[in-house]
Amino acid sequence: MNIKSLDQGIVESEPIRCSVHICFTALENERWKSLKTRLQSINPKLKIQEFGRIALREMLDNVENLVDKHENKIANIVD
C-alpha cells in the first residue's frame, strides 16, 4: 500500500455500491475499532474503510496478476 498521507483516506467521490464482508479475528477487530476512533479524532472525514478500499484494490491487482500468470502457464502446457 503506497499511502503517503492521511488525506488519502478521505472518502472518494465515487459512491460505494457494493459491500464486501471480511471476517476478522477478535484482535484484528479491536485494532480496526481503535484505529477508526483515532482517525475520527484527527479528522471526522477520515474513514478507515477508505484505507481498506485502497489496500483491497492493490490486493486485487496482485491476485489478478497471479491468476493471469497461472492461466498463461496452464495454456502453454496445454498447447
N, C-alpha and C. Protein backbone atom coordinates (compact mmCIF):
# COMPACT_ATOMS: atom_id res chain seq x y z
N MET A 1 0.85 -1.16 0.00
CA MET A 1 0.00 0.00 0.00
C MET A 1 0.90 1.23 0.00
N ASN A 2 0.66 2.12 -0.91
CA ASN A 2 1.53 3.26 -1.10
C ASN A 2 0.88 4.54 -0.58
N ILE A 3 0.44 4.55 0.66
CA ILE A 3 -0.20 5.72 1.24
C ILE A 3 0.86 6.61 1.86
N LYS A 4 0.85 7.86 1.47
CA LYS A 4 1.85 8.79 1.95
C LYS A 4 1.27 9.86 2.88
N SER A 5 -0.07 9.90 3.00
CA SER A 5 -0.72 10.93 3.80
C SER A 5 -2.08 10.45 4.27
N LEU A 6 -2.49 10.92 5.42
CA LEU A 6 -3.84 10.59 5.89
C LEU A 6 -4.91 11.16 4.97
N ASP A 7 -4.57 12.19 4.21
CA ASP A 7 -5.54 12.77 3.28
C ASP A 7 -6.05 11.77 2.26
N GLN A 8 -5.27 10.73 1.99
CA GLN A 8 -5.70 9.72 1.04
C GLN A 8 -6.86 8.88 1.58
N GLY A 9 -7.12 9.00 2.89
CA GLY A 9 -8.20 8.24 3.50
C GLY A 9 -9.53 8.97 3.51
N ILE A 10 -9.55 10.18 2.99
CA ILE A 10 -10.81 10.92 2.93
C ILE A 10 -11.66 10.33 1.82
N VAL A 11 -12.93 10.14 2.11
CA VAL A 11 -13.85 9.43 1.23
C VAL A 11 -13.76 9.92 -0.21
N GLU A 12 -13.67 8.96 -1.11
CA GLU A 12 -13.63 9.27 -2.53
C GLU A 12 -15.00 9.75 -2.99
N SER A 13 -15.02 10.44 -4.12
CA SER A 13 -16.28 10.99 -4.62
C SER A 13 -17.16 9.92 -5.25
N GLU A 14 -16.57 8.81 -5.68
CA GLU A 14 -17.36 7.75 -6.31
C GLU A 14 -18.17 7.03 -5.24
N PRO A 15 -19.49 6.90 -5.43
CA PRO A 15 -20.30 6.25 -4.40
C PRO A 15 -20.01 4.75 -4.31
N ILE A 16 -20.16 4.23 -3.11
CA ILE A 16 -19.97 2.80 -2.89
C ILE A 16 -21.28 2.10 -3.19
N ARG A 17 -21.26 1.14 -4.08
CA ARG A 17 -22.48 0.44 -4.50
C ARG A 17 -22.59 -0.97 -3.93
N CYS A 18 -21.46 -1.55 -3.54
CA CYS A 18 -21.47 -2.93 -3.06
C CYS A 18 -20.62 -3.03 -1.80
N SER A 19 -21.01 -3.93 -0.93
CA SER A 19 -20.20 -4.15 0.27
C SER A 19 -19.44 -5.46 0.14
N VAL A 20 -18.34 -5.53 0.86
CA VAL A 20 -17.54 -6.74 0.93
C VAL A 20 -17.42 -7.09 2.41
N HIS A 21 -17.65 -8.33 2.74
CA HIS A 21 -17.58 -8.75 4.14
C HIS A 21 -16.27 -9.48 4.38
N ILE A 22 -15.56 -9.03 5.39
CA ILE A 22 -14.29 -9.64 5.75
C ILE A 22 -14.39 -10.06 7.21
N CYS A 23 -14.00 -11.27 7.49
CA CYS A 23 -14.03 -11.77 8.87
C CYS A 23 -12.68 -11.48 9.52
N PHE A 24 -12.74 -10.85 10.67
CA PHE A 24 -11.54 -10.54 11.44
C PHE A 24 -11.47 -11.43 12.66
N THR A 25 -10.27 -11.62 13.15
CA THR A 25 -10.12 -12.23 14.47
C THR A 25 -10.51 -11.16 15.49
N ALA A 26 -10.67 -11.55 16.73
CA ALA A 26 -11.05 -10.58 17.77
C ALA A 26 -10.00 -9.48 17.90
N LEU A 27 -8.72 -9.85 17.83
CA LEU A 27 -7.64 -8.86 17.94
C LEU A 27 -7.67 -7.89 16.76
N GLU A 28 -7.86 -8.40 15.54
CA GLU A 28 -7.92 -7.52 14.36
C GLU A 28 -9.12 -6.57 14.46
N ASN A 29 -10.23 -7.07 14.96
CA ASN A 29 -11.42 -6.24 15.10
C ASN A 29 -11.17 -5.12 16.11
N GLU A 30 -10.50 -5.41 17.21
CA GLU A 30 -10.18 -4.38 18.20
C GLU A 30 -9.23 -3.34 17.62
N ARG A 31 -8.25 -3.79 16.84
CA ARG A 31 -7.33 -2.84 16.18
C ARG A 31 -8.10 -1.94 15.22
N TRP A 32 -9.03 -2.53 14.43
CA TRP A 32 -9.85 -1.77 13.48
C TRP A 32 -10.62 -0.68 14.21
N LYS A 33 -11.31 -1.07 15.28
CA LYS A 33 -12.13 -0.11 16.03
C LYS A 33 -11.26 0.97 16.66
N SER A 34 -10.10 0.60 17.18
CA SER A 34 -9.19 1.57 17.78
C SER A 34 -8.70 2.58 16.75
N LEU A 35 -8.27 2.07 15.59
CA LEU A 35 -7.80 2.98 14.53
C LEU A 35 -8.92 3.87 14.02
N LYS A 36 -10.10 3.33 13.91
CA LYS A 36 -11.26 4.11 13.46
C LYS A 36 -11.48 5.29 14.41
N THR A 37 -11.43 5.03 15.70
CA THR A 37 -11.61 6.08 16.71
C THR A 37 -10.49 7.11 16.63
N ARG A 38 -9.25 6.64 16.49
CA ARG A 38 -8.11 7.56 16.41
C ARG A 38 -8.19 8.44 15.17
N LEU A 39 -8.57 7.85 14.03
CA LEU A 39 -8.71 8.65 12.80
C LEU A 39 -9.80 9.70 12.95
N GLN A 40 -10.92 9.32 13.55
CA GLN A 40 -12.02 10.26 13.75
C GLN A 40 -11.60 11.45 14.62
N SER A 41 -10.72 11.19 15.59
CA SER A 41 -10.26 12.28 16.45
C SER A 41 -9.34 13.24 15.70
N ILE A 42 -8.67 12.75 14.67
CA ILE A 42 -7.80 13.60 13.85
C ILE A 42 -8.64 14.43 12.88
N ASN A 43 -9.56 13.75 12.20
CA ASN A 43 -10.41 14.43 11.21
C ASN A 43 -11.65 13.56 10.99
N PRO A 44 -12.85 14.08 11.28
CA PRO A 44 -14.07 13.28 11.13
C PRO A 44 -14.30 12.78 9.69
N LYS A 45 -13.65 13.39 8.71
CA LYS A 45 -13.82 12.95 7.33
C LYS A 45 -12.98 11.71 7.00
N LEU A 46 -12.00 11.41 7.87
CA LEU A 46 -11.15 10.24 7.63
C LEU A 46 -11.92 8.97 7.96
N LYS A 47 -11.91 8.05 7.04
CA LYS A 47 -12.63 6.78 7.22
C LYS A 47 -11.65 5.63 7.04
N ILE A 48 -11.57 4.75 8.03
CA ILE A 48 -10.68 3.60 7.91
C ILE A 48 -11.10 2.73 6.74
N GLN A 49 -12.40 2.75 6.40
CA GLN A 49 -12.88 1.97 5.26
C GLN A 49 -12.20 2.39 3.97
N GLU A 50 -11.91 3.67 3.83
CA GLU A 50 -11.25 4.15 2.62
C GLU A 50 -9.84 3.59 2.51
N PHE A 51 -9.14 3.51 3.63
CA PHE A 51 -7.80 2.90 3.60
C PHE A 51 -7.92 1.42 3.26
N GLY A 52 -8.97 0.79 3.77
CA GLY A 52 -9.22 -0.61 3.43
C GLY A 52 -9.48 -0.79 1.96
N ARG A 53 -10.24 0.12 1.37
CA ARG A 53 -10.52 0.04 -0.08
C ARG A 53 -9.24 0.19 -0.88
N ILE A 54 -8.35 1.11 -0.45
CA ILE A 54 -7.08 1.29 -1.15
C ILE A 54 -6.28 0.00 -1.10
N ALA A 55 -6.21 -0.62 0.08
CA ALA A 55 -5.45 -1.86 0.24
C ALA A 55 -6.09 -2.99 -0.56
N LEU A 56 -7.42 -3.07 -0.57
CA LEU A 56 -8.10 -4.13 -1.32
C LEU A 56 -7.90 -3.99 -2.82
N ARG A 57 -7.90 -2.77 -3.32
CA ARG A 57 -7.65 -2.56 -4.75
C ARG A 57 -6.25 -3.06 -5.12
N GLU A 58 -5.28 -2.76 -4.27
CA GLU A 58 -3.91 -3.23 -4.52
C GLU A 58 -3.85 -4.75 -4.45
N MET A 59 -4.54 -5.34 -3.48
CA MET A 59 -4.57 -6.79 -3.35
C MET A 59 -5.22 -7.42 -4.58
N LEU A 60 -6.30 -6.82 -5.08
CA LEU A 60 -6.96 -7.34 -6.28
C LEU A 60 -6.02 -7.34 -7.47
N ASP A 61 -5.26 -6.27 -7.63
CA ASP A 61 -4.27 -6.20 -8.72
C ASP A 61 -3.26 -7.34 -8.59
N ASN A 62 -2.76 -7.55 -7.38
CA ASN A 62 -1.76 -8.61 -7.16
C ASN A 62 -2.34 -9.99 -7.44
N VAL A 63 -3.53 -10.26 -6.94
CA VAL A 63 -4.15 -11.57 -7.16
C VAL A 63 -4.47 -11.76 -8.64
N GLU A 64 -4.94 -10.70 -9.29
CA GLU A 64 -5.25 -10.78 -10.72
C GLU A 64 -3.99 -11.15 -11.52
N ASN A 65 -2.85 -10.54 -11.17
CA ASN A 65 -1.59 -10.87 -11.84
C ASN A 65 -1.21 -12.33 -11.61
N LEU A 66 -1.38 -12.81 -10.39
CA LEU A 66 -1.06 -14.21 -10.10
C LEU A 66 -1.96 -15.16 -10.89
N VAL A 67 -3.24 -14.84 -10.98
CA VAL A 67 -4.18 -15.68 -11.74
C VAL A 67 -3.81 -15.65 -13.22
N ASP A 68 -3.50 -14.47 -13.74
CA ASP A 68 -3.10 -14.36 -15.15
C ASP A 68 -1.87 -15.22 -15.43
N LYS A 69 -0.86 -15.14 -14.55
CA LYS A 69 0.35 -15.94 -14.73
C LYS A 69 0.02 -17.43 -14.72
N HIS A 70 -0.83 -17.83 -13.80
CA HIS A 70 -1.20 -19.25 -13.70
C HIS A 70 -1.96 -19.70 -14.94
N GLU A 71 -2.91 -18.89 -15.38
CA GLU A 71 -3.68 -19.24 -16.58
C GLU A 71 -2.79 -19.32 -17.81
N ASN A 72 -1.85 -18.40 -17.94
CA ASN A 72 -0.91 -18.42 -19.07
C ASN A 72 -0.02 -19.65 -19.01
N LYS A 73 0.42 -20.03 -17.81
CA LYS A 73 1.25 -21.21 -17.63
C LYS A 73 0.48 -22.47 -18.05
N ILE A 74 -0.77 -22.56 -17.62
CA ILE A 74 -1.62 -23.71 -17.98
C ILE A 74 -1.87 -23.74 -19.48
N ALA A 75 -2.14 -22.57 -20.05
CA ALA A 75 -2.39 -22.51 -21.51
C ALA A 75 -1.16 -22.96 -22.29
N ASN A 76 0.02 -22.61 -21.84
CA ASN A 76 1.26 -23.02 -22.52
C ASN A 76 1.51 -24.52 -22.39
N ILE A 77 1.12 -25.10 -21.29
CA ILE A 77 1.27 -26.54 -21.09
C ILE A 77 0.32 -27.30 -22.00
N VAL A 78 -0.90 -26.81 -22.14
CA VAL A 78 -1.91 -27.45 -22.97
C VAL A 78 -1.56 -27.37 -24.44
N ASP A 79 -0.96 -26.25 -24.86
CA ASP A 79 -0.60 -26.06 -26.28
C ASP A 79 0.49 -26.95 -26.69
